[in-house]
Amino acid sequence: MAAANDRLDRMSGGRYLLQHNLRQAAGDRGRSGGGLGLRVLDGWTGVDRDPATLSGGESFVTSLALALGLADVVTAEAGGPEIGTLFVDEGFGTLDEDTLDDVLDILDGLREGGRAVGIVSHVAELRTRIPAQIRVRKGRGGSTLSMV
């Protein structure tokens, strides 16, 4: 959770942090349908929220923070393998401009640190931020690839 919160704090501009929900055990399939027993603390309102109430963009950022935090912990553990490649499939279209910049800064930092980061997206703004691209174009005869 701490590793995910380090990432989430940066990607949300300090707005969100994850907390353990002690009222719900992990895997409990009660009222909220199970999950990790998490709550999201909104630093702007001071209210903790059920993750199910997050918008698409908020859910994307929170999920990405959890994935990156898990990768950080696995890498840091004694004998843990380094997770050198990350693919993020979609979700960027749910982000506002500022949050998109924050998320891309995090992903750029991973890339600069030696990790390979693949992004699958239709968001046009990413074309200006991503230096190496493989574009897929559909056509009657099938899809074609081009390197940019």
C-alpha atoms as a PDB file:
ATOM      1  CA  MET A   1       0.000   0.000   0.000  1.00  0.00           C
ATOM      2  CA  ALA A   2       2.826   2.428   0.854  1.00  0.00           C
ATOM      3  CA  ALA A   3       4.510   1.857  -2.518  1.00  0.00           C
ATOM      4  CA  ALA A   4       1.206   2.385  -4.346  1.00  0.00           C
ATOM      5  CA  ASN A   5       0.559   5.540  -2.322  1.00  0.00           C
ATOM      6  CA  ASP A   6       3.953   6.959  -3.301  1.00  0.00           C
ATOM      7  CA  ARG A   7       2.907   6.618  -6.942  1.00  0.00           C
ATOM      8  CA  LEU A   8      -0.708   7.710  -6.407  1.00  0.00           C
ATOM      9  CA  ASP A   9       0.337  10.830  -4.508  1.00  0.00           C
ATOM     10  CA  ARG A  10       2.415  12.004  -7.481  1.00  0.00           C
ATOM     11  CA  MET A  11      -0.107  11.033 -10.152  1.00  0.00           C
ATOM     12  CA  SER A  12      -3.060  12.638  -8.371  1.00  0.00           C
ATOM     13  CA  GLY A  13      -1.244  15.827  -7.409  1.00  0.00           C
ATOM     14  CA  GLY A  14      -1.498  14.873  -3.738  1.00  0.00           C
ATOM     15  CA  ARG A  15      -5.253  14.422  -3.824  1.00  0.00           C
ATOM     16  CA  TYR A  16      -5.701  10.680  -3.249  1.00  0.00           C
ATOM     17  CA  LEU A  17      -4.245   8.084  -0.893  1.00  0.00           C
ATOM     18  CA  LEU A  18      -5.255   4.480  -0.371  1.00  0.00           C
ATOM     19  CA  GLN A  19      -6.186   3.179   3.069  1.00  0.00           C
ATOM     20  CA  HIS A  20      -6.956  -0.265   4.435  1.00  0.00           C
ATOM     21  CA  ASN A  21     -10.657  -0.714   5.053  1.00  0.00           C
ATOM     22  CA  LEU A  22     -10.704  -2.529   8.372  1.00  0.00           C
ATOM     23  CA  ARG A  23     -14.488  -2.951   8.129  1.00  0.00           C
ATOM     24  CA  GLN A  24     -14.067  -5.221   5.117  1.00  0.00           C
ATOM     25  CA  ALA A  25     -11.607  -8.058   4.946  1.00  0.00           C
ATOM     26  CA  ALA A  26      -9.824  -8.694   1.659  1.00  0.00           C
ATOM     27  CA  GLY A  27     -11.831 -11.096  -0.440  1.00  0.00           C
ATOM     28  CA  ASP A  28     -15.057 -10.442   1.490  1.00  0.00           C
ATOM     29  CA  ARG A  29     -17.897 -10.770  -0.996  1.00  0.00           C
ATOM     30  CA  GLY A  30     -20.377  -8.804   1.104  1.00  0.00           C
ATOM     31  CA  ARG A  31     -22.087  -5.546   0.197  1.00  0.00           C
ATOM     32  CA  SER A  32     -19.349  -4.028  -1.936  1.00  0.00           C
ATOM     33  CA  GLY A  33     -18.584  -7.147  -3.965  1.00  0.00           C
ATOM     34  CA  GLY A  34     -15.181  -7.968  -2.491  1.00  0.00           C
ATOM     35  CA  GLY A  35     -11.819  -6.602  -3.468  1.00  0.00           C
ATOM     36  CA  LEU A  36      -8.713  -5.643  -1.543  1.00  0.00           C
ATOM     37  CA  GLY A  37     -10.424  -4.024   1.424  1.00  0.00           C
ATOM     38  CA  LEU A  38      -9.418  -0.518   0.332  1.00  0.00           C
ATOM     39  CA  ARG A  39     -10.782   2.980   0.781  1.00  0.00           C
ATOM     40  CA  VAL A  40      -9.617   6.079  -1.065  1.00  0.00           C
ATOM     41  CA  LEU A  41      -8.922   9.158   1.048  1.00  0.00           C
ATOM     42  CA  ASP A  42      -9.695  12.346  -0.868  1.00  0.00           C
ATOM     43  CA  GLY A  43      -7.286  14.981   0.447  1.00  0.00           C
ATOM     44  CA  TRP A  44      -9.362  17.796  -1.031  1.00  0.00           C
ATOM     45  CA  THR A  45     -12.562  16.916   0.800  1.00  0.00           C
ATOM     46  CA  GLY A  46     -11.168  14.928   3.739  1.00  0.00           C
ATOM     47  CA  VAL A  47     -13.683  12.177   2.975  1.00  0.00           C
ATOM     48  CA  ASP A  48     -12.760   8.546   2.440  1.00  0.00           C
ATOM     49  CA  ARG A  49     -14.538   6.878  -0.439  1.00  0.00           C
ATOM     50  CA  ASP A  50     -15.311   3.427  -1.724  1.00  0.00           C
ATOM     51  CA  PRO A  51     -13.138   2.795  -4.801  1.00  0.00           C
ATOM     52  CA  ALA A  52     -16.340   1.959  -6.707  1.00  0.00           C
ATOM     53  CA  THR A  53     -17.262   5.675  -6.577  1.00  0.00           C
ATOM     54  CA  LEU A  54     -14.155   6.787  -8.487  1.00  0.00           C
ATOM     55  CA  SER A  55     -14.546   8.179 -11.999  1.00  0.00           C
ATOM     56  CA  GLY A  56     -12.958   6.423 -14.959  1.00  0.00           C
ATOM     57  CA  GLY A  57      -9.847   8.597 -14.799  1.00  0.00           C
ATOM     58  CA  GLU A  58      -9.543   8.272 -11.031  1.00  0.00           C
ATOM     59  CA  SER A  59      -9.903   4.488 -11.301  1.00  0.00           C
ATOM     60  CA  PHE A  60      -7.255   4.365 -14.029  1.00  0.00           C
ATOM     61  CA  VAL A  61      -4.733   6.352 -11.984  1.00  0.00           C
ATOM     62  CA  THR A  62      -5.439   4.325  -8.837  1.00  0.00           C
ATOM     63  CA  SER A  63      -5.101   1.006 -10.686  1.00  0.00           C
ATOM     64  CA  LEU A  64      -1.868   2.139 -12.332  1.00  0.00           C
ATOM     65  CA  ALA A  65      -0.483   3.233  -8.947  1.00  0.00           C
ATOM     66  CA  LEU A  66      -1.335  -0.177  -7.469  1.00  0.00           C
ATOM     67  CA  ALA A  67       0.349  -1.992 -10.376  1.00  0.00           C
ATOM     68  CA  LEU A  68       3.478   0.163 -10.214  1.00  0.00           C
ATOM     69  CA  GLY A  69       3.616  -0.100  -6.424  1.00  0.00           C
ATOM     70  CA  LEU A  70       3.416  -3.887  -6.646  1.00  0.00           C
ATOM     71  CA  ALA A  71       6.205  -3.910  -9.236  1.00  0.00           C
ATOM     72  CA  ASP A  72       8.324  -1.706  -6.942  1.00  0.00           C
ATOM     73  CA  VAL A  73       7.818  -4.074  -3.997  1.00  0.00           C
ATOM     74  CA  VAL A  74       8.560  -7.206  -6.037  1.00  0.00           C
ATOM     75  CA  THR A  75      11.762  -5.622  -7.353  1.00  0.00           C
ATOM     76  CA  ALA A  76      12.833  -4.456  -3.878  1.00  0.00           C
ATOM     77  CA  GLU A  77      12.314  -7.828  -2.190  1.00  0.00           C
ATOM     78  CA  ALA A  78      15.447  -9.907  -1.683  1.00  0.00           C
ATOM     79  CA  GLY A  79      15.851 -12.013  -4.793  1.00  0.00           C
ATOM     80  CA  GLY A  80      12.810 -10.441  -6.413  1.00  0.00           C
ATOM     81  CA  PRO A  81      12.980 -10.228 -10.188  1.00  0.00           C
ATOM     82  CA  GLU A  82      13.194  -6.804 -11.755  1.00  0.00           C
ATOM     83  CA  ILE A  83      10.070  -6.067 -13.733  1.00  0.00           C
ATOM     84  CA  GLY A  84      11.663  -4.381 -16.723  1.00  0.00           C
ATOM     85  CA  THR A  85       8.662  -4.070 -19.016  1.00  0.00           C
ATOM     86  CA  LEU A  86       5.267  -2.524 -18.462  1.00  0.00           C
ATOM     87  CA  PHE A  87       2.346  -2.335 -20.888  1.00  0.00           C
ATOM     88  CA  VAL A  88      -0.529   0.030 -20.213  1.00  0.00           C
ATOM     89  CA  ASP A  89      -3.553  -0.714 -22.358  1.00  0.00           C
ATOM     90  CA  GLU A  90      -5.926   2.216 -22.774  1.00  0.00           C
ATOM     91  CA  GLY A  91      -7.440   4.322 -20.015  1.00  0.00           C
ATOM     92  CA  PHE A  92      -5.614   7.484 -21.064  1.00  0.00           C
ATOM     93  CA  GLY A  93      -8.752   8.893 -22.677  1.00  0.00           C
ATOM     94  CA  THR A  94     -10.398   9.068 -19.231  1.00  0.00           C
ATOM     95  CA  LEU A  95      -7.791  11.508 -17.893  1.00  0.00           C
ATOM     96  CA  ASP A  96      -7.968  15.286 -17.823  1.00  0.00           C
ATOM     97  CA  GLU A  97      -5.022  17.179 -19.301  1.00  0.00           C
ATOM     98  CA  ASP A  98      -3.180  17.778 -16.009  1.00  0.00           C
ATOM     99  CA  THR A  99      -3.564  14.191 -14.812  1.00  0.00           C
ATOM    100  CA  LEU A 100      -2.449  12.890 -18.212  1.00  0.00           C
ATOM    101  CA  ASP A 101       0.725  14.977 -17.874  1.00  0.00           C
ATOM    102  CA  ASP A 102       1.337  13.637 -14.357  1.00  0.00           C
ATOM    103  CA  VAL A 103       0.855  10.020 -15.451  1.00  0.00           C
ATOM    104  CA  LEU A 104       3.076  10.431 -18.505  1.00  0.00           C
ATOM    105  CA  ASP A 105       5.783  12.013 -16.328  1.00  0.00           C
ATOM    106  CA  ILE A 106       5.701   8.893 -14.114  1.00  0.00           C
ATOM    107  CA  LEU A 107       5.914   6.605 -17.154  1.00  0.00           C
ATOM    108  CA  ASP A 108       8.738   8.725 -18.626  1.00  0.00           C
ATOM    109  CA  GLY A 109      10.609   8.312 -15.336  1.00  0.00           C
ATOM    110  CA  LEU A 110      10.248   4.539 -15.574  1.00  0.00           C
ATOM    111  CA  ARG A 111      11.570   4.600 -19.121  1.00  0.00           C
ATOM    112  CA  GLU A 112      14.497   6.826 -18.139  1.00  0.00           C
ATOM    113  CA  GLY A 113      15.226   4.379 -15.315  1.00  0.00           C
ATOM    114  CA  GLY A 114      15.728   1.579 -17.825  1.00  0.00           C
ATOM    115  CA  ARG A 115      12.277   0.035 -18.024  1.00  0.00           C
ATOM    116  CA  ALA A 116      10.506  -0.551 -21.299  1.00  0.00           C
ATOM    117  CA  VAL A 117       7.047   1.028 -21.247  1.00  0.00           C
ATOM    118  CA  GLY A 118       4.483   0.153 -23.898  1.00  0.00           C
ATOM    119  CA  ILE A 119       1.319   2.209 -24.216  1.00  0.00           C
ATOM    120  CA  VAL A 120      -1.727   1.133 -26.170  1.00  0.00           C
ATOM    121  CA  SER A 121      -3.934   4.138 -26.821  1.00  0.00           C
ATOM    122  CA  HIS A 122      -5.960   6.140 -29.308  1.00  0.00           C
ATOM    123  CA  VAL A 123      -5.376   9.476 -27.512  1.00  0.00           C
ATOM    124  CA  ALA A 124      -3.924  11.882 -30.106  1.00  0.00           C
ATOM    125  CA  GLU A 125      -1.920  13.911 -27.558  1.00  0.00           C
ATOM    126  CA  LEU A 126       0.211  10.862 -26.819  1.00  0.00           C
ATOM    127  CA  ARG A 127       1.647  11.056 -30.343  1.00  0.00           C
ATOM    128  CA  THR A 128       3.572  14.174 -29.345  1.00  0.00           C
ATOM    129  CA  ARG A 129       4.798  12.720 -26.033  1.00  0.00           C
ATOM    130  CA  ILE A 130       5.874   9.230 -27.085  1.00  0.00           C
ATOM    131  CA  PRO A 131       9.215   9.229 -28.959  1.00  0.00           C
ATOM    132  CA  ALA A 132       9.087   5.722 -30.478  1.00  0.00           C
ATOM    133  CA  GLN A 133       5.793   4.452 -31.837  1.00  0.00           C
ATOM    134  CA  ILE A 134       4.309   1.519 -33.654  1.00  0.00           C
ATOM    135  CA  ARG A 135       1.107   2.624 -35.330  1.00  0.00           C
ATOM    136  CA  VAL A 136      -1.529   0.108 -36.307  1.00  0.00           C
ATOM    137  CA  ARG A 137      -3.895   1.032 -39.115  1.00  0.00           C
ATOM    138  CA  LYS A 138      -6.842  -1.108 -40.018  1.00  0.00           C
ATOM    139  CA  GLY A 139      -7.857  -1.668 -43.618  1.00  0.00           C
ATOM    140  CA  ARG A 140      -9.916  -3.944 -45.828  1.00  0.00           C
ATOM    141  CA  GLY A 141      -6.953  -6.225 -46.392  1.00  0.00           C
ATOM    142  CA  GLY A 142      -6.013  -6.351 -42.732  1.00  0.00           C
ATOM    143  CA  SER A 143      -3.998  -4.212 -40.392  1.00  0.00           C
ATOM    144  CA  THR A 144      -0.687  -2.601 -41.257  1.00  0.00           C
ATOM    145  CA  LEU A 145       2.107  -1.497 -38.941  1.00  0.00           C
ATOM    146  CA  SER A 146       4.391   1.467 -39.278  1.00  0.00           C
ATOM    147  CA  MET A 147       7.271   2.613 -37.114  1.00  0.00           C
ATOM    148  CA  VAL A 148       7.416   6.302 -36.186  1.00  0.00           C
END
